[in-house]
Amino acid sequence: GLDGRVGRDGSILGGGGGGGGGGGWRRWRVLLLAPAPARMWTLRSPLTRSLYVNMTSGPGGPAAAAAGGRKENHQVLGRTRARRGGAVAADLPALSLAIWYACNREKLCESLQAVFVQSYLDQGTQIFLNNSIEKSGWLFIQLYHSFVSSVFSLFMSRTSINGLLGRGSMFVFSPDQFQRLLKINPDWKTHRLLDLVLGVNEWQNTGFQYDVISCLNLLDRCDQPLTLLKDIRSVLEPTRGRVILALVLPFHPYVENGGKWDKPSEILEIKGQNWEEQVNSLPEVFRKAGFVIEAFTRLPYLCEGDMYNDYYVLDDAVFVLKPV
């Protein structure tokens, strides 16, 4: 799931990939899976899914343990449900998915209207969705994941379990969407790129300056998000350097710490009740760290599904920041 964020059904979506621990940075690797063998048992049939969920949700069963963890986490976090989070039916037409990319430009401040880049559902995103739908129906794999999760949850965080199993892969943007946002061609290359990851805390002291730094969906899971932004600014090449930053909105920060969810020690002043209103408050947040917004777009933050849902989705704002 989406790193402890709340889906439309109110469940907490556990992290996918990487170990646990508070105040870290995460990099999610997208895993494109081969189609299931023709003879593999799947959960595509509604009857099969119903039997499977009933089988795994009995007293003390894997689904019961998972559901209990989600309920407990929801109470601790007190989060509101993501406006467009949760499961999406596998057979929704592309027109229905256009809402993932929709932005009411009239609600944006004038400076942001000029730099908004409209994105669309493309082939790269569709491939990820198709693979997620296929994998969610693999009966024995889902049984195996459910069993391992129920056992290992006694002494491991859900984030670590998902990383161990190699499940819950994430998808933020396709190569085409990335190129469109940065206004680059497929042959574009950069000299030095830094992709921030969980648990690597010495990157600020390498003596290098980076042309591109990616910070994808980390600020709401970091104990000191403003300090992180300032550290990024300190190692970014001061003229041509750019930051690719993704942020889940609505903004609900917390830090995973030993299986518990704590509030971060630094609070970003992100205000507003909807996606556009919160985006409007971000230029000032970035200005305090020494950045201005060069371009931004709205994209779905996608995650592989499980036996309950084919995939999960939250709203992302993805920015290109340049130093000032």
C-alpha atoms as a PDB file:
ATOM      1  CA  GLY A   1       0.000   0.000   0.000  1.00  0.00           C
ATOM      2  CA  LEU A   2       0.836   3.666  -0.097  1.00  0.00           C
ATOM      3  CA  ASP A   3       3.170   3.947   2.894  1.00  0.00           C
ATOM      4  CA  GLY A   4       0.580   4.196   5.634  1.00  0.00           C
ATOM      5  CA  ARG A   5      -1.611   6.708   3.814  1.00  0.00           C
ATOM      6  CA  VAL A   6      -5.375   6.336   4.033  1.00  0.00           C
ATOM      7  CA  GLY A   7      -7.387   4.891   1.180  1.00  0.00           C
ATOM      8  CA  ARG A   8     -10.959   5.740   0.246  1.00  0.00           C
ATOM      9  CA  ASP A   9     -12.195   2.792   2.279  1.00  0.00           C
ATOM     10  CA  GLY A  10     -10.558   4.283   5.388  1.00  0.00           C
ATOM     11  CA  SER A  11      -7.872   1.611   5.594  1.00  0.00           C
ATOM     12  CA  ILE A  12      -4.251   2.458   6.215  1.00  0.00           C
ATOM     13  CA  LEU A  13      -2.161   1.582   3.179  1.00  0.00           C
ATOM     14  CA  GLY A  14       1.121   0.167   4.433  1.00  0.00           C
ATOM     15  CA  GLY A  15       4.509   1.097   2.951  1.00  0.00           C
ATOM     16  CA  GLY A  16       5.931  -0.803  -0.003  1.00  0.00           C
ATOM     17  CA  GLY A  17       9.648  -1.404  -0.193  1.00  0.00           C
ATOM     18  CA  GLY A  18      12.422  -0.270   2.130  1.00  0.00           C
ATOM     19  CA  GLY A  19      12.785  -0.808   5.853  1.00  0.00           C
ATOM     20  CA  GLY A  20      10.987   0.879   8.690  1.00  0.00           C
ATOM     21  CA  GLY A  21      12.266   3.679  10.853  1.00  0.00           C
ATOM     22  CA  GLY A  22      11.304   7.279  11.475  1.00  0.00           C
ATOM     23  CA  GLY A  23      12.439  10.417   9.692  1.00  0.00           C
ATOM     24  CA  GLY A  24      13.896   8.602   6.704  1.00  0.00           C
ATOM     25  CA  TRP A  25      13.641   9.069   2.980  1.00  0.00           C
ATOM     26  CA  ARG A  26      12.137   6.563   0.633  1.00  0.00           C
ATOM     27  CA  ARG A  27      12.662   5.591  -2.982  1.00  0.00           C
ATOM     28  CA  TRP A  28      10.046   3.345  -4.557  1.00  0.00           C
ATOM     29  CA  ARG A  29      11.095   1.138  -7.422  1.00  0.00           C
ATOM     30  CA  VAL A  30       8.457   0.363 -10.052  1.00  0.00           C
ATOM     31  CA  LEU A  31       8.339  -3.345 -10.826  1.00  0.00           C
ATOM     32  CA  LEU A  32       6.684  -4.245 -14.110  1.00  0.00           C
ATOM     33  CA  LEU A  33       5.607  -7.838 -13.851  1.00  0.00           C
ATOM     34  CA  ALA A  34       5.259 -10.429 -16.577  1.00  0.00           C
ATOM     35  CA  PRO A  35       1.740 -11.754 -17.227  1.00  0.00           C
ATOM     36  CA  ALA A  36       0.625 -14.673 -15.095  1.00  0.00           C
ATOM     37  CA  PRO A  37       1.113 -18.133 -16.593  1.00  0.00           C
ATOM     38  CA  ALA A  38      -2.007 -19.399 -18.318  1.00  0.00           C
ATOM     39  CA  ARG A  39      -2.599 -22.154 -15.728  1.00  0.00           C
ATOM     40  CA  MET A  40      -2.050 -19.973 -12.656  1.00  0.00           C
ATOM     41  CA  TRP A  41      -5.065 -19.828 -10.351  1.00  0.00           C
ATOM     42  CA  THR A  42      -6.384 -16.277 -10.095  1.00  0.00           C
ATOM     43  CA  LEU A  43      -8.873 -14.248  -8.093  1.00  0.00           C
ATOM     44  CA  ARG A  44     -10.553 -12.708 -11.135  1.00  0.00           C
ATOM     45  CA  SER A  45     -13.835 -14.471 -10.399  1.00  0.00           C
ATOM     46  CA  PRO A  46     -15.975 -12.594  -7.809  1.00  0.00           C
ATOM     47  CA  LEU A  47     -16.866 -15.963  -6.248  1.00  0.00           C
ATOM     48  CA  THR A  48     -13.186 -16.883  -5.901  1.00  0.00           C
ATOM     49  CA  ARG A  49     -12.383 -13.517  -4.349  1.00  0.00           C
ATOM     50  CA  SER A  50     -15.275 -13.869  -1.902  1.00  0.00           C
ATOM     51  CA  LEU A  51     -14.190 -17.351  -0.841  1.00  0.00           C
ATOM     52  CA  TYR A  52     -10.586 -16.214  -0.461  1.00  0.00           C
ATOM     53  CA  VAL A  53     -11.426 -13.177   1.661  1.00  0.00           C
ATOM     54  CA  ASN A  54     -13.731 -15.248   3.867  1.00  0.00           C
ATOM     55  CA  MET A  55     -11.051 -17.900   4.232  1.00  0.00           C
ATOM     56  CA  THR A  56      -8.363 -15.426   5.281  1.00  0.00           C
ATOM     57  CA  SER A  57     -10.508 -13.208   7.486  1.00  0.00           C
ATOM     58  CA  GLY A  58     -11.506 -15.663  10.167  1.00  0.00           C
ATOM     59  CA  PRO A  59     -10.473 -15.245  13.804  1.00  0.00           C
ATOM     60  CA  GLY A  60      -6.704 -14.921  13.971  1.00  0.00           C
ATOM     61  CA  GLY A  61      -6.346 -15.271  10.195  1.00  0.00           C
ATOM     62  CA  PRO A  62      -4.000 -13.161   8.067  1.00  0.00           C
ATOM     63  CA  ALA A  63      -6.692 -10.774   6.902  1.00  0.00           C
ATOM     64  CA  ALA A  64      -7.904 -10.311  10.462  1.00  0.00           C
ATOM     65  CA  ALA A  65      -4.408  -9.406  11.597  1.00  0.00           C
ATOM     66  CA  ALA A  66      -3.966  -7.011   8.714  1.00  0.00           C
ATOM     67  CA  ALA A  67      -7.343  -5.401   9.268  1.00  0.00           C
ATOM     68  CA  GLY A  68      -6.625  -4.999  12.948  1.00  0.00           C
ATOM     69  CA  GLY A  69      -3.380  -3.216  12.179  1.00  0.00           C
ATOM     70  CA  ARG A  70      -5.116  -0.895   9.741  1.00  0.00           C
ATOM     71  CA  LYS A  71      -7.839  -0.075  12.246  1.00  0.00           C
ATOM     72  CA  GLU A  72      -5.341   0.644  14.977  1.00  0.00           C
ATOM     73  CA  ASN A  73      -3.221   2.824  12.718  1.00  0.00           C
ATOM     74  CA  HIS A  74      -6.281   4.748  11.609  1.00  0.00           C
ATOM     75  CA  GLN A  75      -7.164   5.577  15.182  1.00  0.00           C
ATOM     76  CA  VAL A  76      -3.630   6.693  16.015  1.00  0.00           C
ATOM     77  CA  LEU A  77      -3.250   8.866  12.927  1.00  0.00           C
ATOM     78  CA  GLY A  78      -6.743  10.315  12.976  1.00  0.00           C
ATOM     79  CA  ARG A  79      -6.384  10.903   9.253  1.00  0.00           C
ATOM     80  CA  THR A  80      -9.073  12.036   6.872  1.00  0.00           C
ATOM     81  CA  ARG A  81      -9.655   9.849   3.887  1.00  0.00           C
ATOM     82  CA  ALA A  82      -7.811  10.719   0.705  1.00  0.00           C
ATOM     83  CA  ARG A  83     -10.311  12.373  -1.597  1.00  0.00           C
ATOM     84  CA  ARG A  84      -9.611  10.083  -4.508  1.00  0.00           C
ATOM     85  CA  GLY A  85      -7.699   7.387  -2.613  1.00  0.00           C
ATOM     86  CA  GLY A  86      -8.581   3.721  -2.422  1.00  0.00           C
ATOM     87  CA  ALA A  87      -9.471   1.055  -4.919  1.00  0.00           C
ATOM     88  CA  VAL A  88     -10.317   1.713  -8.521  1.00  0.00           C
ATOM     89  CA  ALA A  89     -12.338  -0.744 -10.563  1.00  0.00           C
ATOM     90  CA  ALA A  90     -10.264  -2.535 -13.163  1.00  0.00           C
ATOM     91  CA  ASP A  91     -12.725  -1.861 -15.957  1.00  0.00           C
ATOM     92  CA  LEU A  92     -13.031   1.925 -15.595  1.00  0.00           C
ATOM     93  CA  PRO A  93     -12.717   3.662 -18.968  1.00  0.00           C
ATOM     94  CA  ALA A  94      -9.875   6.099 -19.556  1.00  0.00           C
ATOM     95  CA  LEU A  95     -12.352   8.989 -19.412  1.00  0.00           C
ATOM     96  CA  SER A  96     -13.190   8.116 -15.790  1.00  0.00           C
ATOM     97  CA  LEU A  97      -9.506   8.068 -14.887  1.00  0.00           C
ATOM     98  CA  ALA A  98      -9.046  11.597 -16.247  1.00  0.00           C
ATOM     99  CA  ILE A  99     -10.109  12.885 -12.815  1.00  0.00           C
ATOM    100  CA  TRP A 100      -6.694  11.775 -11.531  1.00  0.00           C
ATOM    101  CA  TYR A 101      -5.133  14.535 -13.634  1.00  0.00           C
ATOM    102  CA  ALA A 102      -7.802  17.218 -13.301  1.00  0.00           C
ATOM    103  CA  CYS A 103      -6.905  20.664 -11.997  1.00  0.00           C
ATOM    104  CA  ASN A 104      -9.220  23.657 -11.671  1.00  0.00           C
ATOM    105  CA  ARG A 105      -6.823  26.333 -12.882  1.00  0.00           C
ATOM    106  CA  GLU A 106      -9.210  29.100 -11.863  1.00  0.00           C
ATOM    107  CA  LYS A 107      -8.573  28.168  -8.221  1.00  0.00           C
ATOM    108  CA  LEU A 108      -4.794  28.487  -8.634  1.00  0.00           C
ATOM    109  CA  CYS A 109      -3.005  31.741  -7.913  1.00  0.00           C
ATOM    110  CA  GLU A 110      -1.891  33.632 -11.020  1.00  0.00           C
ATOM    111  CA  SER A 111       1.780  32.699 -10.716  1.00  0.00           C
ATOM    112  CA  LEU A 112       0.926  28.985 -10.583  1.00  0.00           C
ATOM    113  CA  GLN A 113      -1.530  29.093 -13.454  1.00  0.00           C
ATOM    114  CA  ALA A 114       1.337  30.050 -15.746  1.00  0.00           C
ATOM    115  CA  VAL A 115       3.508  27.046 -14.828  1.00  0.00           C
ATOM    116  CA  PHE A 116       0.920  24.259 -14.594  1.00  0.00           C
ATOM    117  CA  VAL A 117       1.529  21.372 -17.013  1.00  0.00           C
ATOM    118  CA  GLN A 118      -1.488  19.235 -17.877  1.00  0.00           C
ATOM    119  CA  SER A 119      -0.771  15.488 -17.703  1.00  0.00           C
ATOM    120  CA  TYR A 120      -2.788  12.568 -19.055  1.00  0.00           C
ATOM    121  CA  LEU A 121      -3.172   8.822 -18.674  1.00  0.00           C
ATOM    122  CA  ASP A 122      -0.509   7.383 -20.987  1.00  0.00           C
ATOM    123  CA  GLN A 123       0.809   4.001 -22.063  1.00  0.00           C
ATOM    124  CA  GLY A 124       3.423   3.756 -19.309  1.00  0.00           C
ATOM    125  CA  THR A 125       0.817   4.325 -16.610  1.00  0.00           C
ATOM    126  CA  GLN A 126      -1.613   1.900 -18.228  1.00  0.00           C
ATOM    127  CA  ILE A 127       1.044  -0.829 -18.304  1.00  0.00           C
ATOM    128  CA  PHE A 128       1.586  -0.436 -14.566  1.00  0.00           C
ATOM    129  CA  LEU A 129      -2.164  -0.593 -13.928  1.00  0.00           C
ATOM    130  CA  ASN A 130      -2.594  -3.679 -16.093  1.00  0.00           C
ATOM    131  CA  ASN A 131       0.229  -5.482 -14.294  1.00  0.00           C
ATOM    132  CA  SER A 132      -1.196  -4.526 -10.905  1.00  0.00           C
ATOM    133  CA  ILE A 133      -4.607  -5.854 -11.885  1.00  0.00           C
ATOM    134  CA  GLU A 134      -3.064  -9.120 -13.065  1.00  0.00           C
ATOM    135  CA  LYS A 135      -0.913  -9.606  -9.971  1.00  0.00           C
ATOM    136  CA  SER A 136      -3.786  -8.908  -7.566  1.00  0.00           C
ATOM    137  CA  GLY A 137      -5.555 -11.969  -8.987  1.00  0.00           C
ATOM    138  CA  TRP A 138      -2.735 -14.474  -8.416  1.00  0.00           C
ATOM    139  CA  LEU A 139      -4.328 -16.682  -5.782  1.00  0.00           C
ATOM    140  CA  PHE A 140      -1.302 -18.512  -4.353  1.00  0.00           C
ATOM    141  CA  ILE A 141       0.897 -15.417  -4.304  1.00  0.00           C
ATOM    142  CA  GLN A 142      -1.770 -13.485  -2.420  1.00  0.00           C
ATOM    143  CA  LEU A 143      -2.187 -16.379   0.038  1.00  0.00           C
ATOM    144  CA  TYR A 144       1.576 -16.468   0.561  1.00  0.00           C
ATOM    145  CA  HIS A 145       1.769 -12.692   1.113  1.00  0.00           C
ATOM    146  CA  SER A 146      -1.140 -12.813   3.540  1.00  0.00           C
ATOM    147  CA  PHE A 147       0.445 -15.623   5.562  1.00  0.00           C
ATOM    148  CA  VAL A 148       3.899 -14.019   5.716  1.00  0.00           C
ATOM    149  CA  SER A 149       2.424 -10.641   6.662  1.00  0.00           C
ATOM    150  CA  SER A 150       0.425 -12.115   9.536  1.00  0.00           C
ATOM    151  CA  VAL A 151       3.469 -13.918  10.964  1.00  0.00           C
ATOM    152  CA  PHE A 152       6.095 -11.226  10.434  1.00  0.00           C
ATOM    153  CA  SER A 153       3.833  -8.431  11.693  1.00  0.00           C
ATOM    154  CA  LEU A 154       4.565  -9.699  15.198  1.00  0.00           C
ATOM    155  CA  PHE A 155       8.085  -8.255  14.995  1.00  0.00           C
ATOM    156  CA  MET A 156       8.363  -6.206  11.773  1.00  0.00           C
ATOM    157  CA  SER A 157       6.719  -3.047  10.469  1.00  0.00           C
ATOM    158  CA  ARG A 158       4.372  -3.323   7.503  1.00  0.00           C
ATOM    159  CA  THR A 159       6.802  -1.239   5.457  1.00  0.00           C
ATOM    160  CA  SER A 160       9.600  -3.727   6.095  1.00  0.00           C
ATOM    161  CA  ILE A 161       7.366  -6.712   5.354  1.00  0.00           C
ATOM    162  CA  ASN A 162       6.321  -5.276   2.014  1.00  0.00           C
ATOM    163  CA  GLY A 163       9.944  -4.593   1.169  1.00  0.00           C
ATOM    164  CA  LEU A 164      10.887  -8.173   2.079  1.00  0.00           C
ATOM    165  CA  LEU A 165       8.100  -9.578  -0.092  1.00  0.00           C
ATOM    166  CA  GLY A 166       8.794  -7.198  -2.958  1.00  0.00           C
ATOM    167  CA  ARG A 167       5.162  -6.124  -3.080  1.00  0.00           C
ATOM    168  CA  GLY A 168       3.446  -2.754  -3.032  1.00  0.00           C
ATOM    169  CA  SER A 169       5.513  -1.269  -5.860  1.00  0.00           C
ATOM    170  CA  MET A 170       4.802   2.403  -6.547  1.00  0.00           C
ATOM    171  CA  PHE A 171       4.368   4.472  -9.681  1.00  0.00           C
ATOM    172  CA  VAL A 172       4.499   8.271  -9.855  1.00  0.00           C
ATOM    173  CA  PHE A 173       5.269   9.174 -13.474  1.00  0.00           C
ATOM    174  CA  SER A 174       6.115   7.507 -16.767  1.00  0.00           C
ATOM    175  CA  PRO A 175       9.158   8.492 -18.870  1.00  0.00           C
ATOM    176  CA  ASP A 176       6.875  10.461 -21.206  1.00  0.00           C
ATOM    177  CA  GLN A 177       5.280  12.361 -18.310  1.00  0.00           C
ATOM    178  CA  PHE A 178       8.718  13.086 -16.847  1.00  0.00           C
ATOM    179  CA  GLN A 179       9.986  14.444 -20.168  1.00  0.00           C
ATOM    180  CA  ARG A 180       6.895  16.586 -20.648  1.00  0.00           C
ATOM    181  CA  LEU A 181       7.209  18.104 -17.179  1.00  0.00           C
ATOM    182  CA  LEU A 182      10.904  18.928 -17.569  1.00  0.00           C
ATOM    183  CA  LYS A 183      10.544  19.891 -21.249  1.00  0.00           C
ATOM    184  CA  ILE A 184      13.314  17.515 -22.291  1.00  0.00           C
ATOM    185  CA  ASN A 185      13.692  14.995 -25.105  1.00  0.00           C
ATOM    186  CA  PRO A 186      14.292  11.224 -24.769  1.00  0.00           C
ATOM    187  CA  ASP A 187      18.042  11.704 -25.338  1.00  0.00           C
ATOM    188  CA  TRP A 188      18.407  14.042 -22.354  1.00  0.00           C
ATOM    189  CA  LYS A 189      21.225  13.222 -19.950  1.00  0.00           C
ATOM    190  CA  THR A 190      22.462  14.808 -16.759  1.00  0.00           C
ATOM    191  CA  HIS A 191      25.914  14.717 -15.233  1.00  0.00           C
ATOM    192  CA  ARG A 192      25.023  13.885 -11.641  1.00  0.00           C
ATOM    193  CA  LEU A 193      21.620  12.838 -10.208  1.00  0.00           C
ATOM    194  CA  LEU A 194      20.696  12.119  -6.594  1.00  0.00           C
ATOM    195  CA  ASP A 195      17.617  10.042  -5.737  1.00  0.00           C
ATOM    196  CA  LEU A 196      16.890  10.309  -2.021  1.00  0.00           C
ATOM    197  CA  VAL A 197      16.319   6.966  -0.304  1.00  0.00           C
ATOM    198  CA  LEU A 198      15.365   5.637   3.101  1.00  0.00           C
ATOM    199  CA  GLY A 199      18.094   5.492   5.720  1.00  0.00           C
ATOM    200  CA  VAL A 200      20.872   7.242   3.778  1.00  0.00           C
ATOM    201  CA  ASN A 201      21.884  10.161   5.988  1.00  0.00           C
ATOM    202  CA  GLU A 202      25.320  11.182   4.702  1.00  0.00           C
ATOM    203  CA  TRP A 203      24.417  12.476   1.254  1.00  0.00           C
ATOM    204  CA  GLN A 204      24.699  16.096   2.437  1.00  0.00           C
ATOM    205  CA  ASN A 205      28.409  15.652   3.248  1.00  0.00           C
ATOM    206  CA  THR A 206      29.808  14.072   0.071  1.00  0.00           C
ATOM    207  CA  GLY A 207      31.168  17.324  -1.321  1.00  0.00           C
ATOM    208  CA  PHE A 208      29.251  16.817  -4.584  1.00  0.00           C
ATOM    209  CA  GLN A 209      26.846  19.193  -6.245  1.00  0.00           C
ATOM    210  CA  TYR A 210      23.986  17.572  -8.143  1.00  0.00           C
ATOM    211  CA  ASP A 211      22.286  18.614 -11.362  1.00  0.00           C
ATOM    212  CA  VAL A 212      19.031  16.837 -10.498  1.00  0.00           C
ATOM    213  CA  ILE A 213      17.708  15.677  -7.113  1.00  0.00           C
ATOM    214  CA  SER A 214      14.516  13.658  -6.818  1.00  0.00           C
ATOM    215  CA  CYS A 215      12.444  13.778  -3.630  1.00  0.00           C
ATOM    216  CA  LEU A 216       9.339  11.712  -4.293  1.00  0.00           C
ATOM    217  CA  ASN A 217       6.601  11.581  -1.631  1.00  0.00           C
ATOM    218  CA  LEU A 218       8.997  12.048   1.275  1.00  0.00           C
ATOM    219  CA  LEU A 219       8.088  15.372   2.890  1.00  0.00           C
ATOM    220  CA  ASP A 220       5.001  13.990   4.635  1.00  0.00           C
ATOM    221  CA  ARG A 221       7.017  11.048   5.988  1.00  0.00           C
ATOM    222  CA  CYS A 222      10.038  13.027   7.179  1.00  0.00           C
ATOM    223  CA  ASP A 223      10.618  14.296  10.717  1.00  0.00           C
ATOM    224  CA  GLN A 224      12.256  17.539   9.511  1.00  0.00           C
ATOM    225  CA  PRO A 225      10.854  18.326   6.062  1.00  0.00           C
ATOM    226  CA  LEU A 226      11.978  21.968   5.913  1.00  0.00           C
ATOM    227  CA  THR A 227      15.485  20.980   6.965  1.00  0.00           C
ATOM    228  CA  LEU A 228      15.443  18.314   4.259  1.00  0.00           C
ATOM    229  CA  LEU A 229      14.527  20.937   1.647  1.00  0.00           C
ATOM    230  CA  LYS A 230      17.318  23.230   2.827  1.00  0.00           C
ATOM    231  CA  ASP A 231      19.804  20.341   2.731  1.00  0.00           C
ATOM    232  CA  ILE A 232      18.726  19.592  -0.836  1.00  0.00           C
ATOM    233  CA  ARG A 233      19.290  23.249  -1.726  1.00  0.00           C
ATOM    234  CA  SER A 234      22.802  23.164  -0.237  1.00  0.00           C
ATOM    235  CA  VAL A 235      23.981  20.336  -2.523  1.00  0.00           C
ATOM    236  CA  LEU A 236      22.126  21.390  -5.683  1.00  0.00           C
ATOM    237  CA  GLU A 237      24.101  22.953  -8.534  1.00  0.00           C
ATOM    238  CA  PRO A 238      23.199  26.652  -8.093  1.00  0.00           C
ATOM    239  CA  THR A 239      22.472  27.597 -11.715  1.00  0.00           C
ATOM    240  CA  ARG A 240      21.262  24.633 -13.763  1.00  0.00           C
ATOM    241  CA  GLY A 241      20.273  22.358 -10.840  1.00  0.00           C
ATOM    242  CA  ARG A 242      16.670  21.196 -10.537  1.00  0.00           C
ATOM    243  CA  VAL A 243      14.633  19.290  -7.914  1.00  0.00           C
ATOM    244  CA  ILE A 244      11.854  16.865  -8.860  1.00  0.00           C
ATOM    245  CA  LEU A 245       9.547  16.816  -5.844  1.00  0.00           C
ATOM    246  CA  ALA A 246       6.303  14.866  -5.430  1.00  0.00           C
ATOM    247  CA  LEU A 247       3.938  15.503  -2.545  1.00  0.00           C
ATOM    248  CA  VAL A 248       0.704  13.719  -1.591  1.00  0.00           C
ATOM    249  CA  LEU A 249      -2.218  16.098  -1.152  1.00  0.00           C
ATOM    250  CA  PRO A 250      -4.212  16.582   1.020  1.00  0.00           C
ATOM    251  CA  PHE A 251      -1.154  16.850   3.247  1.00  0.00           C
ATOM    252  CA  HIS A 252      -1.213  14.616   6.346  1.00  0.00           C
ATOM    253  CA  PRO A 253       2.331  14.208   7.725  1.00  0.00           C
ATOM    254  CA  TYR A 254       3.485  11.508  10.111  1.00  0.00           C
ATOM    255  CA  VAL A 255       6.690   9.620  10.839  1.00  0.00           C
ATOM    256  CA  GLU A 256       6.865   5.847  11.217  1.00  0.00           C
ATOM    257  CA  ASN A 257       8.853   5.076  14.337  1.00  0.00           C
ATOM    258  CA  GLY A 258       9.147   1.484  15.504  1.00  0.00           C
ATOM    259  CA  GLY A 259       5.690   0.564  14.239  1.00  0.00           C
ATOM    260  CA  LYS A 260       4.117   3.710  15.727  1.00  0.00           C
ATOM    261  CA  TRP A 261       3.015   6.854  13.935  1.00  0.00           C
ATOM    262  CA  ASP A 262       4.390  10.102  15.371  1.00  0.00           C
ATOM    263  CA  LYS A 263       3.972  13.719  14.343  1.00  0.00           C
ATOM    264  CA  PRO A 264       7.043  15.299  12.734  1.00  0.00           C
ATOM    265  CA  SER A 265       9.112  17.757  14.751  1.00  0.00           C
ATOM    266  CA  GLU A 266       8.898  20.313  11.917  1.00  0.00           C
ATOM    267  CA  ILE A 267       5.521  21.360  10.522  1.00  0.00           C
ATOM    268  CA  LEU A 268       5.151  22.696   6.991  1.00  0.00           C
ATOM    269  CA  GLU A 269       2.579  25.479   6.706  1.00  0.00           C
ATOM    270  CA  ILE A 270       0.401  23.875   4.041  1.00  0.00           C
ATOM    271  CA  LYS A 271      -3.144  25.194   4.206  1.00  0.00           C
ATOM    272  CA  GLY A 272      -6.385  24.612   2.331  1.00  0.00           C
ATOM    273  CA  GLN A 273      -9.211  22.103   2.030  1.00  0.00           C
ATOM    274  CA  ASN A 274      -8.580  20.763  -1.467  1.00  0.00           C
ATOM    275  CA  TRP A 275      -5.765  20.031  -3.903  1.00  0.00           C
ATOM    276  CA  GLU A 276      -5.681  23.466  -5.534  1.00  0.00           C
ATOM    277  CA  GLU A 277      -5.862  25.389  -2.256  1.00  0.00           C
ATOM    278  CA  GLN A 278      -2.993  23.413  -0.743  1.00  0.00           C
ATOM    279  CA  VAL A 279      -0.902  23.854  -3.884  1.00  0.00           C
ATOM    280  CA  ASN A 280      -1.399  27.623  -3.542  1.00  0.00           C
ATOM    281  CA  SER A 281       0.314  27.560  -0.141  1.00  0.00           C
ATOM    282  CA  LEU A 282       3.401  25.719  -1.381  1.00  0.00           C
ATOM    283  CA  PRO A 283       5.314  28.559  -3.122  1.00  0.00           C
ATOM    284  CA  GLU A 284       5.924  30.151   0.282  1.00  0.00           C
ATOM    285  CA  VAL A 285       7.031  26.800   1.762  1.00  0.00           C
ATOM    286  CA  PHE A 286       9.542  26.328  -1.054  1.00  0.00           C
ATOM    287  CA  ARG A 287      10.681  29.970  -0.869  1.00  0.00           C
ATOM    288  CA  LYS A 288      11.782  29.475   2.757  1.00  0.00           C
ATOM    289  CA  ALA A 289      14.093  26.694   1.539  1.00  0.00           C
ATOM    290  CA  GLY A 290      15.467  28.735  -1.377  1.00  0.00           C
ATOM    291  CA  PHE A 291      13.348  27.476  -4.295  1.00  0.00           C
ATOM    292  CA  VAL A 292      10.787  28.698  -6.781  1.00  0.00           C
ATOM    293  CA  ILE A 293       8.390  26.541  -8.795  1.00  0.00           C
ATOM    294  CA  GLU A 294       9.407  26.235 -12.443  1.00  0.00           C
ATOM    295  CA  ALA A 295       6.654  23.770 -13.425  1.00  0.00           C
ATOM    296  CA  PHE A 296       4.197  21.415 -11.760  1.00  0.00           C
ATOM    297  CA  THR A 297       1.485  18.916 -12.603  1.00  0.00           C
ATOM    298  CA  ARG A 298      -1.096  16.659 -11.035  1.00  0.00           C
ATOM    299  CA  LEU A 299      -0.503  12.905 -11.186  1.00  0.00           C
ATOM    300  CA  PRO A 300      -1.885   9.797  -9.455  1.00  0.00           C
ATOM    301  CA  TYR A 301       0.403   8.144  -6.901  1.00  0.00           C
ATOM    302  CA  LEU A 302      -0.284   4.494  -7.708  1.00  0.00           C
ATOM    303  CA  CYS A 303       0.437   1.339  -5.765  1.00  0.00           C
ATOM    304  CA  GLU A 304       0.068  -2.349  -6.535  1.00  0.00           C
ATOM    305  CA  GLY A 305      -3.051  -3.895  -5.073  1.00  0.00           C
ATOM    306  CA  ASP A 306      -3.818  -6.987  -3.047  1.00  0.00           C
ATOM    307  CA  MET A 307      -6.639  -9.529  -2.698  1.00  0.00           C
ATOM    308  CA  TYR A 308      -9.029  -6.729  -1.719  1.00  0.00           C
ATOM    309  CA  ASN A 309      -8.337  -4.188  -4.489  1.00  0.00           C
ATOM    310  CA  ASP A 310      -6.594  -4.245  -7.848  1.00  0.00           C
ATOM    311  CA  TYR A 311      -4.589  -1.115  -7.047  1.00  0.00           C
ATOM    312  CA  TYR A 312      -4.611   1.980  -4.855  1.00  0.00           C
ATOM    313  CA  VAL A 313      -4.276   5.638  -5.752  1.00  0.00           C
ATOM    314  CA  LEU A 314      -3.677   8.966  -4.013  1.00  0.00           C
ATOM    315  CA  ASP A 315      -3.336  12.488  -5.405  1.00  0.00           C
ATOM    316  CA  ASP A 316       0.165  13.794  -6.085  1.00  0.00           C
ATOM    317  CA  ALA A 317       1.427  17.261  -6.912  1.00  0.00           C
ATOM    318  CA  VAL A 318       4.745  16.927  -8.756  1.00  0.00           C
ATOM    319  CA  PHE A 319       6.995  19.989  -8.926  1.00  0.00           C
ATOM    320  CA  VAL A 320      10.101  21.067 -10.766  1.00  0.00           C
ATOM    321  CA  LEU A 321      11.944  23.437  -8.399  1.00  0.00           C
ATOM    322  CA  LYS A 322      14.850  25.684  -9.255  1.00  0.00           C
ATOM    323  CA  PRO A 323      17.141  27.438  -6.766  1.00  0.00           C
ATOM    324  CA  VAL A 324      17.018  31.176  -6.151  1.00  0.00           C
END
